[in-house]
Amino acid sequence: MIFCLIIQDSDTLNNYLIRNGCFPGGTMIRPKTWNEMEKWEKELYEEADEKPNVEVLMEKEDYDKFIEQIMRAEIYASGKKLGIWEEPKNIENE
């Protein structure tokens, strides 16, 4: 699995999709590397043939900025009731 960002100026396609209510922000959180995992998380792989092979090619500071954008975008979309945050329609009244 590869997570990538499509960047234009200071925005990303990922951020645009969250801001418009296409996905919840949590879908943009990258998986942890083996070294970042807690002991209990590593124990889940005790009987597996392979450990997770996650490589991160993004600086922590850049990733933290990205996640901050994503959190703000989700707050905006949910506040404006966009996309997945839209109020369900009452079919009986239509």
N, C-alpha and C. Protein backbone atom coordinates (compact mmCIF):
# COMPACT_ATOMS: atom_id res chain seq x y z
N MET A 1 0.84 -1.16 0.00
CA MET A 1 0.00 0.00 0.00
C MET A 1 0.89 1.23 0.00
N ILE A 2 0.56 2.19 -0.84
CA ILE A 2 1.34 3.41 -0.92
C ILE A 2 0.41 4.59 -0.65
N PHE A 3 0.83 5.45 0.26
CA PHE A 3 0.11 6.68 0.55
C PHE A 3 0.89 7.80 -0.11
N CYS A 4 0.20 8.64 -0.85
CA CYS A 4 0.90 9.74 -1.49
C CYS A 4 0.07 11.02 -1.39
N LEU A 5 0.74 12.12 -1.61
CA LEU A 5 0.09 13.43 -1.61
C LEU A 5 0.25 14.03 -2.99
N ILE A 6 -0.83 14.56 -3.53
CA ILE A 6 -0.76 15.31 -4.77
C ILE A 6 -0.84 16.77 -4.37
N ILE A 7 0.24 17.50 -4.59
CA ILE A 7 0.38 18.85 -4.06
C ILE A 7 0.27 19.89 -5.18
N GLN A 8 -0.50 20.95 -4.88
CA GLN A 8 -0.55 22.12 -5.75
C GLN A 8 -0.46 23.34 -4.84
N ASP A 9 0.60 24.10 -5.00
CA ASP A 9 0.89 25.24 -4.13
C ASP A 9 0.94 24.76 -2.68
N SER A 10 0.08 25.29 -1.80
CA SER A 10 0.12 24.87 -0.39
C SER A 10 -1.02 23.92 -0.05
N ASP A 11 -1.74 23.43 -1.05
CA ASP A 11 -2.87 22.53 -0.81
C ASP A 11 -2.56 21.15 -1.41
N THR A 12 -3.32 20.15 -0.99
CA THR A 12 -3.18 18.81 -1.54
C THR A 12 -4.53 18.30 -2.00
N LEU A 13 -4.52 17.36 -2.92
CA LEU A 13 -5.76 16.72 -3.34
C LEU A 13 -6.42 16.05 -2.14
N ASN A 14 -5.62 15.46 -1.27
CA ASN A 14 -6.13 14.81 -0.07
C ASN A 14 -6.94 15.79 0.77
N ASN A 15 -6.38 16.96 1.01
CA ASN A 15 -7.03 18.00 1.80
C ASN A 15 -8.32 18.47 1.12
N TYR A 16 -8.26 18.65 -0.20
CA TYR A 16 -9.44 19.06 -0.98
C TYR A 16 -10.58 18.07 -0.80
N LEU A 17 -10.27 16.78 -0.87
CA LEU A 17 -11.30 15.74 -0.74
C LEU A 17 -11.92 15.74 0.65
N ILE A 18 -11.10 15.92 1.67
CA ILE A 18 -11.62 15.97 3.05
C ILE A 18 -12.47 17.22 3.23
N ARG A 19 -11.98 18.37 2.74
CA ARG A 19 -12.68 19.65 2.88
C ARG A 19 -14.05 19.63 2.20
N ASN A 20 -14.21 18.80 1.19
CA ASN A 20 -15.49 18.70 0.48
C ASN A 20 -16.35 17.53 0.95
N GLY A 21 -15.93 16.89 2.04
CA GLY A 21 -16.73 15.84 2.65
C GLY A 21 -16.71 14.51 1.93
N CYS A 22 -15.68 14.27 1.14
CA CYS A 22 -15.61 12.99 0.42
C CYS A 22 -15.18 11.83 1.33
N PHE A 23 -14.38 12.13 2.35
CA PHE A 23 -13.86 11.12 3.27
C PHE A 23 -13.69 11.74 4.65
N PRO A 24 -13.71 10.93 5.71
CA PRO A 24 -13.34 11.46 7.02
C PRO A 24 -11.81 11.63 7.07
N GLY A 25 -11.35 12.56 7.87
CA GLY A 25 -9.93 12.86 7.96
C GLY A 25 -9.07 11.69 8.39
N GLY A 26 -9.62 10.79 9.18
CA GLY A 26 -8.86 9.64 9.67
C GLY A 26 -8.31 8.75 8.58
N THR A 27 -8.88 8.83 7.38
CA THR A 27 -8.38 8.01 6.27
C THR A 27 -7.02 8.48 5.78
N MET A 28 -6.58 9.64 6.24
CA MET A 28 -5.30 10.20 5.80
C MET A 28 -4.16 9.92 6.76
N ILE A 29 -4.42 9.24 7.85
CA ILE A 29 -3.37 8.94 8.82
C ILE A 29 -2.54 7.77 8.30
N ARG A 30 -1.25 7.98 8.25
CA ARG A 30 -0.38 6.92 7.72
C ARG A 30 -0.20 5.81 8.75
N PRO A 31 0.10 4.61 8.28
CA PRO A 31 0.37 3.52 9.24
C PRO A 31 1.70 3.77 9.96
N LYS A 32 1.85 3.14 11.10
CA LYS A 32 3.08 3.28 11.89
C LYS A 32 4.17 2.36 11.33
N THR A 33 5.41 2.81 11.48
CA THR A 33 6.54 1.94 11.16
C THR A 33 6.70 0.95 12.32
N TRP A 34 7.48 -0.08 12.10
CA TRP A 34 7.71 -1.08 13.15
C TRP A 34 8.27 -0.42 14.41
N ASN A 35 9.20 0.49 14.24
CA ASN A 35 9.82 1.15 15.40
C ASN A 35 8.86 2.10 16.12
N GLU A 36 7.83 2.56 15.46
CA GLU A 36 6.85 3.46 16.08
C GLU A 36 5.77 2.71 16.85
N MET A 37 5.64 1.42 16.58
CA MET A 37 4.58 0.63 17.20
C MET A 37 4.84 0.40 18.69
N GLU A 38 3.74 0.37 19.44
CA GLU A 38 3.81 0.02 20.86
C GLU A 38 4.02 -1.49 20.96
N LYS A 39 4.44 -1.93 22.13
CA LYS A 39 4.71 -3.36 22.36
C LYS A 39 3.48 -4.21 22.03
N TRP A 40 2.31 -3.77 22.48
CA TRP A 40 1.09 -4.57 22.24
C TRP A 40 0.76 -4.67 20.76
N GLU A 41 1.12 -3.63 19.98
CA GLU A 41 0.88 -3.67 18.53
C GLU A 41 1.81 -4.68 17.86
N LYS A 42 3.05 -4.71 18.30
CA LYS A 42 4.02 -5.67 17.74
C LYS A 42 3.61 -7.10 18.07
N GLU A 43 3.04 -7.29 19.25
CA GLU A 43 2.61 -8.63 19.66
C GLU A 43 1.53 -9.20 18.74
N LEU A 44 0.80 -8.36 18.07
CA LEU A 44 -0.22 -8.82 17.13
C LEU A 44 0.40 -9.57 15.95
N TYR A 45 1.69 -9.34 15.71
CA TYR A 45 2.40 -9.95 14.58
C TYR A 45 3.28 -11.12 15.00
N GLU A 46 3.20 -11.56 16.26
CA GLU A 46 4.09 -12.61 16.75
C GLU A 46 4.06 -13.87 15.88
N GLU A 47 2.88 -14.27 15.44
CA GLU A 47 2.78 -15.51 14.67
C GLU A 47 2.76 -15.28 13.17
N ALA A 48 2.87 -14.04 12.75
CA ALA A 48 2.88 -13.73 11.31
C ALA A 48 4.24 -14.06 10.72
N ASP A 49 4.25 -14.40 9.45
CA ASP A 49 5.50 -14.71 8.76
C ASP A 49 6.36 -13.46 8.56
N GLU A 50 5.72 -12.31 8.42
CA GLU A 50 6.46 -11.08 8.16
C GLU A 50 5.97 -9.95 9.06
N LYS A 51 6.88 -9.06 9.36
CA LYS A 51 6.52 -7.84 10.08
C LYS A 51 6.01 -6.83 9.04
N PRO A 52 5.21 -5.86 9.47
CA PRO A 52 4.80 -4.82 8.53
C PRO A 52 6.02 -4.08 8.00
N ASN A 53 6.02 -3.80 6.72
CA ASN A 53 7.16 -3.15 6.08
C ASN A 53 6.74 -1.74 5.65
N VAL A 54 6.66 -0.82 6.60
CA VAL A 54 6.23 0.54 6.32
C VAL A 54 7.45 1.44 6.25
N GLU A 55 7.58 2.15 5.13
CA GLU A 55 8.64 3.14 4.97
C GLU A 55 7.99 4.50 4.90
N VAL A 56 8.57 5.47 5.57
CA VAL A 56 8.05 6.83 5.53
C VAL A 56 9.09 7.69 4.82
N LEU A 57 8.66 8.33 3.73
CA LEU A 57 9.59 9.14 2.94
C LEU A 57 9.24 10.63 3.06
N MET A 58 8.60 10.99 4.14
CA MET A 58 8.18 12.37 4.37
C MET A 58 8.71 12.81 5.72
N GLU A 59 9.21 14.02 5.79
CA GLU A 59 9.72 14.54 7.05
C GLU A 59 8.57 14.68 8.04
N LYS A 60 8.85 14.44 9.32
CA LYS A 60 7.82 14.52 10.36
C LYS A 60 7.14 15.89 10.39
N GLU A 61 7.92 16.95 10.26
CA GLU A 61 7.36 18.30 10.29
C GLU A 61 6.34 18.51 9.15
N ASP A 62 6.67 18.01 7.96
CA ASP A 62 5.76 18.13 6.82
C ASP A 62 4.49 17.30 7.04
N TYR A 63 4.67 16.10 7.58
CA TYR A 63 3.51 15.25 7.86
C TYR A 63 2.61 15.89 8.92
N ASP A 64 3.21 16.44 9.96
CA ASP A 64 2.42 17.10 11.00
C ASP A 64 1.62 18.27 10.44
N LYS A 65 2.22 19.06 9.55
CA LYS A 65 1.51 20.16 8.89
C LYS A 65 0.35 19.63 8.05
N PHE A 66 0.60 18.55 7.34
CA PHE A 66 -0.44 17.93 6.52
C PHE A 66 -1.62 17.49 7.38
N ILE A 67 -1.34 16.81 8.49
CA ILE A 67 -2.41 16.33 9.36
C ILE A 67 -3.18 17.50 9.97
N GLU A 68 -2.49 18.57 10.29
CA GLU A 68 -3.17 19.77 10.80
C GLU A 68 -4.15 20.31 9.75
N GLN A 69 -3.73 20.35 8.50
CA GLN A 69 -4.62 20.77 7.41
C GLN A 69 -5.83 19.85 7.32
N ILE A 70 -5.58 18.56 7.42
CA ILE A 70 -6.65 17.58 7.32
C ILE A 70 -7.66 17.76 8.45
N MET A 71 -7.18 17.98 9.66
CA MET A 71 -8.10 18.18 10.79
C MET A 71 -8.96 19.42 10.57
N ARG A 72 -8.35 20.52 10.11
CA ARG A 72 -9.12 21.75 9.84
C ARG A 72 -10.13 21.52 8.72
N ALA A 73 -9.73 20.77 7.70
CA ALA A 73 -10.63 20.49 6.57
C ALA A 73 -11.84 19.67 7.02
N GLU A 74 -11.61 18.69 7.89
CA GLU A 74 -12.73 17.88 8.38
C GLU A 74 -13.67 18.72 9.24
N ILE A 75 -13.15 19.58 10.08
CA ILE A 75 -13.99 20.46 10.89
C ILE A 75 -14.83 21.35 9.99
N TYR A 76 -14.22 21.87 8.93
CA TYR A 76 -14.95 22.72 7.98
C TYR A 76 -16.08 21.94 7.31
N ALA A 77 -15.75 20.76 6.76
CA ALA A 77 -16.75 19.96 6.03
C ALA A 77 -17.89 19.52 6.94
N SER A 78 -17.56 19.09 8.15
CA SER A 78 -18.62 18.63 9.05
C SER A 78 -19.47 19.82 9.50
N GLY A 79 -18.85 20.98 9.72
CA GLY A 79 -19.58 22.18 10.11
C GLY A 79 -20.52 22.67 9.03
N LYS A 80 -20.10 22.53 7.78
CA LYS A 80 -20.92 22.95 6.63
C LYS A 80 -21.84 21.83 6.13
N LYS A 81 -21.76 20.66 6.77
CA LYS A 81 -22.57 19.49 6.40
C LYS A 81 -22.37 19.11 4.92
N LEU A 82 -21.11 19.02 4.52
CA LEU A 82 -20.77 18.67 3.14
C LEU A 82 -20.54 17.17 3.01
N GLY A 83 -20.89 16.62 1.86
CA GLY A 83 -20.60 15.23 1.54
C GLY A 83 -21.10 14.26 2.59
N ILE A 84 -20.19 13.48 3.15
CA ILE A 84 -20.58 12.46 4.13
C ILE A 84 -21.17 13.06 5.39
N TRP A 85 -20.97 14.35 5.60
CA TRP A 85 -21.48 15.01 6.80
C TRP A 85 -22.89 15.60 6.57
N GLU A 86 -23.40 15.44 5.35
CA GLU A 86 -24.72 15.98 5.01
C GLU A 86 -25.79 15.32 5.87
N GLU A 87 -26.80 16.11 6.23
CA GLU A 87 -27.93 15.58 7.00
C GLU A 87 -28.65 14.52 6.15
N PRO A 88 -29.00 13.37 6.74
CA PRO A 88 -29.73 12.36 5.98
C PRO A 88 -31.10 12.91 5.56
N LYS A 89 -31.50 12.58 4.35
CA LYS A 89 -32.80 13.02 3.86
C LYS A 89 -33.89 12.10 4.38
N ASN A 90 -35.00 12.67 4.75
CA ASN A 90 -36.14 11.89 5.21
C ASN A 90 -36.95 11.47 4.00
N ILE A 91 -36.88 10.21 3.62
CA ILE A 91 -37.54 9.70 2.42
C ILE A 91 -39.06 9.77 2.53
N GLU A 92 -39.59 9.62 3.72
CA GLU A 92 -41.04 9.64 3.91
C GLU A 92 -41.67 10.96 3.53
N ASN A 93 -40.95 12.06 3.63
CA ASN A 93 -41.49 13.39 3.33
C ASN A 93 -41.32 13.79 1.87
N GLU A 94 -40.74 12.95 1.05
CA GLU A 94 -40.52 13.30 -0.35
C GLU A 94 -41.66 12.84 -1.21
